[in-house]
Amino acid sequence: MQEIFKLLIGIGVLILAFPIGDILAKKTKEELKAGRRWFKIIIYASLVGGVVGLLIGNDILMFSFFFIALVTSQSLRRK
């Protein structure tokens, strides 16, 4: 039961990444233009880190990296 609760909290936090990414995209338009390449590198590195967290069974590591990947990709999606 406790594992299910932790997963639901993690999924809820991941859902919050979408509006947070939108807010950051609106507030930092100049940085998004200049650092587009670096943001893509952050997305790929975060996805790799999230998969590693999944494979080793570390939920906090997995959700943290996936949160970073979602916020960054959502920011890049907004122009």
Protein backbone atom coordinates (compact mmCIF):
# COMPACT_ATOMS: atom_id res chain seq x y z
CA MET A 1 0.00 0.00 0.00
CA GLN A 2 2.86 2.37 0.82
CA GLU A 3 4.50 1.74 -2.58
CA ILE A 4 1.28 2.61 -4.39
CA PHE A 5 1.03 5.83 -2.38
CA LYS A 6 4.62 6.79 -3.25
CA LEU A 7 3.98 6.11 -6.95
CA LEU A 8 0.80 8.20 -6.93
CA ILE A 9 2.65 11.12 -5.33
CA GLY A 10 5.44 10.77 -7.92
CA ILE A 11 2.97 10.74 -10.78
CA GLY A 12 1.24 13.79 -9.33
CA VAL A 13 4.53 15.66 -9.19
CA LEU A 14 5.29 14.66 -12.79
CA ILE A 15 1.93 16.04 -13.88
CA LEU A 16 2.87 19.36 -12.22
CA ALA A 17 5.93 19.51 -14.50
CA PHE A 18 3.76 20.56 -17.45
CA PRO A 19 2.43 23.86 -16.03
CA ILE A 20 5.81 24.60 -14.43
CA GLY A 21 7.49 24.18 -17.84
CA ASP A 22 4.96 26.55 -19.38
CA ILE A 23 5.57 29.18 -16.72
CA LEU A 24 9.34 28.94 -17.12
CA ALA A 25 9.03 29.21 -20.90
CA LYS A 26 7.04 32.43 -20.57
CA LYS A 27 9.44 33.97 -18.06
CA THR A 28 12.74 33.02 -19.77
CA LYS A 29 12.25 33.46 -23.51
CA GLU A 30 15.76 34.88 -24.08
CA GLU A 31 17.50 31.96 -22.39
CA LEU A 32 15.49 29.43 -24.38
CA LYS A 33 16.67 30.91 -27.68
CA ALA A 34 20.32 31.05 -26.71
CA GLY A 35 20.53 27.71 -24.91
CA ARG A 36 18.39 25.45 -27.09
CA ARG A 37 21.27 23.02 -27.66
CA TRP A 38 22.01 22.76 -23.94
CA PHE A 39 18.38 22.20 -23.07
CA LYS A 40 18.29 19.24 -25.44
CA ILE A 41 21.39 17.80 -23.77
CA ILE A 42 19.70 18.22 -20.38
CA ILE A 43 16.63 16.38 -21.66
CA TYR A 44 18.63 13.42 -22.95
CA ALA A 45 20.79 13.22 -19.82
CA SER A 46 17.68 13.37 -17.62
CA LEU A 47 15.97 10.61 -19.58
CA VAL A 48 19.05 8.40 -19.21
CA GLY A 49 19.16 9.18 -15.48
CA GLY A 50 15.46 8.37 -15.14
CA VAL A 51 15.90 5.02 -16.84
CA VAL A 52 18.87 4.24 -14.61
CA GLY A 53 16.75 5.11 -11.57
CA LEU A 54 14.04 2.79 -12.87
CA LEU A 55 16.49 -0.05 -13.43
CA ILE A 56 18.08 0.19 -9.99
CA GLY A 57 14.72 0.66 -8.28
CA ASN A 58 15.35 4.12 -6.86
CA ASP A 59 12.01 5.91 -7.16
CA ILE A 60 13.26 9.30 -5.97
CA LEU A 61 16.08 9.32 -8.52
CA MET A 62 13.76 8.19 -11.30
CA PHE A 63 11.04 10.76 -10.60
CA SER A 64 13.57 13.56 -10.14
CA PHE A 65 15.22 12.97 -13.49
CA PHE A 66 11.90 12.51 -15.29
CA PHE A 67 10.63 15.73 -13.70
CA ILE A 68 13.66 17.62 -15.01
CA ALA A 69 13.18 16.09 -18.47
CA LEU A 70 9.48 17.01 -18.57
CA VAL A 71 9.98 20.60 -17.38
CA THR A 72 12.79 21.18 -19.86
CA SER A 73 10.98 19.58 -22.79
CA GLN A 74 7.81 21.51 -21.99
CA SER A 75 9.82 24.74 -21.92
CA LEU A 76 11.35 23.96 -25.32
CA ARG A 77 8.00 23.07 -26.79
CA ARG A 78 6.73 26.58 -26.10
CA LYS A 79 8.06 29.19 -28.52
